[in-house]
């Protein structure tokens, strides 16, 4: 069953951000674009490479009005300890959500049964709190934050220009398509 169009469920979580613990809830994400970036666990191998890549591109996400929430089933204390000990994780400025109760992981359907860890899941959520795009990968496959940024930009464009669609490799400022009978069989 697809999660496209699914409303993000109610949650209350503690996150580590900018040296502080903050509260984040389903209400916190309303009215803005969000990315929920699930990863298996702190103090692992592929995870810091992905989070470092996101940290390097965080300003680009902020420029388009999109907040990133990295999420694992670790506690907020573990997030802080990882932040304090890893040069890569120290670069993170976005909220690192703690989901030790698995409420968020279950809602996004990325919890690995019997393991207490999540698959690598990237979810784009619109200002209404609905999932508009997502990708879930095996834990041995790292993701690319530039492609995730491109997908957020495309989702924002389509939300603003509902009569147009974004072709493969589309970037802001590039040509879009207007679906019509005239295009059928011409591309």
Protein backbone atom coordinates (compact mmCIF):
# COMPACT_ATOMS: atom_id res chain seq x y z
CA UNK A 1 0.00 0.00 0.00
CA UNK A 2 1.41 3.40 -0.99
CA UNK A 3 2.02 6.12 1.56
CA UNK A 4 1.51 8.90 -1.02
CA UNK A 5 -1.13 11.29 0.32
CA UNK A 6 -0.95 9.80 3.83
CA UNK A 7 -1.29 12.35 6.59
CA UNK A 8 1.61 12.24 9.06
CA UNK A 9 0.21 10.82 12.30
CA UNK A 10 0.33 12.39 15.70
CA UNK A 11 3.70 12.27 17.41
CA UNK A 12 5.66 14.05 20.12
CA UNK A 13 9.44 13.65 20.09
CA UNK A 14 12.55 15.17 21.57
CA UNK A 15 15.26 16.25 19.16
CA UNK A 16 18.82 17.40 19.53
CA UNK A 17 19.56 20.61 17.64
CA UNK A 18 22.16 23.35 18.07
CA UNK A 19 23.32 22.05 21.45
CA UNK A 20 19.81 21.86 22.90
CA UNK A 21 16.97 19.43 23.31
CA UNK A 22 13.80 20.64 21.61
CA UNK A 23 10.28 19.28 21.30
CA UNK A 24 8.95 18.43 17.85
CA UNK A 25 5.42 17.23 17.10
CA UNK A 26 3.11 16.66 14.16
CA UNK A 27 1.92 20.23 14.73
CA UNK A 28 5.51 21.52 14.33
CA UNK A 29 5.61 20.45 10.69
CA UNK A 30 2.34 22.10 9.64
CA UNK A 31 2.64 25.01 7.25
CA UNK A 32 6.08 24.18 5.84
CA UNK A 33 7.80 21.62 3.67
CA UNK A 34 9.63 18.89 5.56
CA UNK A 35 11.92 15.98 4.90
CA UNK A 36 11.89 13.04 7.31
CA UNK A 37 15.21 11.25 6.86
CA UNK A 38 15.21 7.89 8.65
CA UNK A 39 18.46 6.05 9.26
CA UNK A 40 19.16 2.83 11.23
CA UNK A 41 21.25 4.03 14.18
CA UNK A 42 23.79 6.46 15.57
CA UNK A 43 27.45 5.38 15.79
CA UNK A 44 27.23 3.34 12.60
CA UNK A 45 28.94 3.41 9.21
CA UNK A 46 26.86 4.61 6.24
CA UNK A 47 24.66 6.86 8.42
CA UNK A 48 27.26 9.56 9.16
CA UNK A 49 28.14 9.80 5.46
CA UNK A 50 24.49 10.47 4.63
CA UNK A 51 23.94 12.90 7.49
CA UNK A 52 27.16 14.72 6.61
CA UNK A 53 25.96 15.01 3.01
CA UNK A 54 22.65 16.45 4.26
CA UNK A 55 24.53 18.86 6.56
CA UNK A 56 26.55 20.08 3.57
CA UNK A 57 23.31 20.87 1.69
CA UNK A 58 21.17 22.02 4.64
CA UNK A 59 21.34 25.70 3.66
CA UNK A 60 19.92 24.84 0.22
CA UNK A 61 16.95 23.09 1.87
CA UNK A 62 16.41 26.05 4.20
CA UNK A 63 16.52 28.47 1.24
CA UNK A 64 13.49 26.73 -0.29
CA UNK A 65 11.60 26.68 3.03
CA UNK A 66 12.15 23.01 3.83
CA UNK A 67 13.16 21.64 7.25
CA UNK A 68 15.04 18.38 7.56
CA UNK A 69 14.29 15.99 10.43
CA UNK A 70 16.72 13.12 10.70
CA UNK A 71 15.12 10.27 12.64
CA UNK A 72 16.45 7.13 14.30
CA UNK A 73 15.21 4.96 17.14
CA UNK A 74 18.08 6.19 19.35
CA UNK A 75 17.40 8.57 22.25
CA UNK A 76 18.07 12.29 22.15
CA UNK A 77 20.92 11.69 24.62
CA UNK A 78 22.55 9.31 22.14
CA UNK A 79 22.16 11.92 19.39
CA UNK A 80 23.98 14.44 21.58
CA UNK A 81 26.77 11.99 22.43
CA UNK A 82 27.23 11.17 18.73
CA UNK A 83 27.24 14.86 17.87
CA UNK A 84 29.88 15.52 20.53
CA UNK A 85 32.20 12.73 19.37
CA UNK A 86 31.92 12.70 15.56
CA UNK A 87 33.47 15.45 13.43
CA UNK A 88 31.00 14.61 10.65
CA UNK A 89 27.91 14.70 12.89
CA UNK A 90 29.10 17.96 14.53
CA UNK A 91 28.28 19.70 11.22
CA UNK A 92 24.57 18.86 11.56
CA UNK A 93 22.34 21.88 12.19
CA UNK A 94 18.95 20.24 11.55
CA UNK A 95 16.87 18.55 14.28
CA UNK A 96 17.90 14.96 15.06
CA UNK A 97 14.64 13.35 16.20
CA UNK A 98 14.66 10.57 18.78
CA UNK A 99 12.13 7.80 18.25
CA UNK A 100 12.87 5.18 20.94
CA UNK A 101 9.15 4.36 21.23
CA UNK A 102 8.95 3.68 17.46
CA UNK A 103 5.82 5.82 17.04
CA UNK A 104 7.23 7.83 14.13
CA UNK A 105 9.01 4.86 12.53
CA UNK A 106 5.81 2.80 12.55
CA UNK A 107 3.76 5.69 11.16
CA UNK A 108 6.15 6.00 8.20
CA UNK A 109 6.31 2.19 7.90
CA UNK A 110 10.12 1.94 8.06
CA UNK A 111 10.57 0.02 11.33
CA UNK A 112 12.32 -3.31 10.81
CA UNK A 113 10.26 -5.92 12.68
CA UNK A 114 12.12 -7.50 15.58
CA UNK A 115 15.21 -5.26 15.23
CA UNK A 116 14.15 -1.92 16.69
CA UNK A 117 15.96 -0.18 13.82
CA UNK A 118 14.64 1.50 10.68
CA UNK A 119 15.29 1.14 6.98
CA UNK A 120 16.76 4.15 5.21
CA UNK A 121 13.67 6.15 4.32
CA UNK A 122 13.42 9.63 2.82
CA UNK A 123 9.97 11.25 2.95
CA UNK A 124 8.93 14.62 1.54
CA UNK A 125 5.97 16.09 3.43
CA UNK A 126 4.00 19.07 2.14
CA UNK A 127 2.74 21.97 4.32
CA UNK A 128 -0.58 20.15 4.82
CA UNK A 129 1.31 17.29 6.51
CA UNK A 130 0.88 14.82 3.63
CA UNK A 131 3.57 12.57 2.20
CA UNK A 132 4.09 13.54 -1.46
CA UNK A 133 7.23 11.51 -2.22
CA UNK A 134 9.25 8.82 -0.54
CA UNK A 135 11.98 6.28 -1.05
CA UNK A 136 12.93 3.39 1.21
CA UNK A 137 16.22 1.54 0.76
CA UNK A 138 18.07 -1.38 2.23
CA UNK A 139 20.41 -0.25 4.99
CA UNK A 140 23.53 -0.95 2.94
CA UNK A 141 22.59 1.68 0.31
CA UNK A 142 23.45 5.33 1.03
CA UNK A 143 21.42 8.24 -0.33
CA UNK A 144 22.23 11.48 -2.16
CA UNK A 145 21.03 14.75 -0.61
CA UNK A 146 21.29 16.66 -3.91
CA UNK A 147 18.75 14.31 -5.51
CA UNK A 148 16.52 14.64 -2.44
CA UNK A 149 16.73 18.43 -2.74
CA UNK A 150 15.80 18.19 -6.43
CA UNK A 151 12.76 16.09 -5.53
CA UNK A 152 11.63 18.65 -2.92
CA UNK A 153 12.02 21.42 -5.51
CA UNK A 154 9.98 19.42 -8.03
CA UNK A 155 7.26 18.72 -5.44
CA UNK A 156 7.10 22.42 -4.60
CA UNK A 157 6.91 23.37 -8.28
CA UNK A 158 4.09 20.92 -8.98
CA UNK A 159 2.21 22.10 -5.87
CA UNK A 160 2.40 25.67 -7.16
CA UNK A 161 1.82 24.86 -10.85
CA UNK A 162 -0.70 22.03 -10.81
CA UNK A 163 -1.10 21.98 -14.58
CA UNK A 164 2.58 21.15 -15.15
CA UNK A 165 4.79 18.16 -14.36
CA UNK A 166 8.55 17.79 -13.95
CA UNK A 167 10.37 15.36 -16.25
CA UNK A 168 13.38 13.25 -15.29
CA UNK A 169 16.41 15.23 -14.10
CA UNK A 170 14.32 18.42 -13.94
CA UNK A 171 15.90 21.34 -12.08
CA UNK A 172 14.39 24.73 -11.20
CA UNK A 173 14.33 26.97 -14.25
CA UNK A 174 14.34 24.04 -16.68
CA UNK A 175 11.48 23.15 -18.99
CA UNK A 176 8.44 21.37 -17.58
CA UNK A 177 5.67 19.50 -19.36
CA UNK A 178 1.98 20.29 -19.56
CA UNK A 179 0.14 16.97 -19.89
CA UNK A 180 -2.12 16.93 -22.92
CA UNK A 181 -3.31 14.70 -25.72
CA UNK A 182 -0.78 16.48 -27.98
CA UNK A 183 2.15 15.00 -26.00
CA UNK A 184 0.98 11.39 -26.15
CA UNK A 185 3.55 9.38 -28.10
CA UNK A 186 5.68 12.47 -28.87
CA UNK A 187 8.24 12.19 -26.06
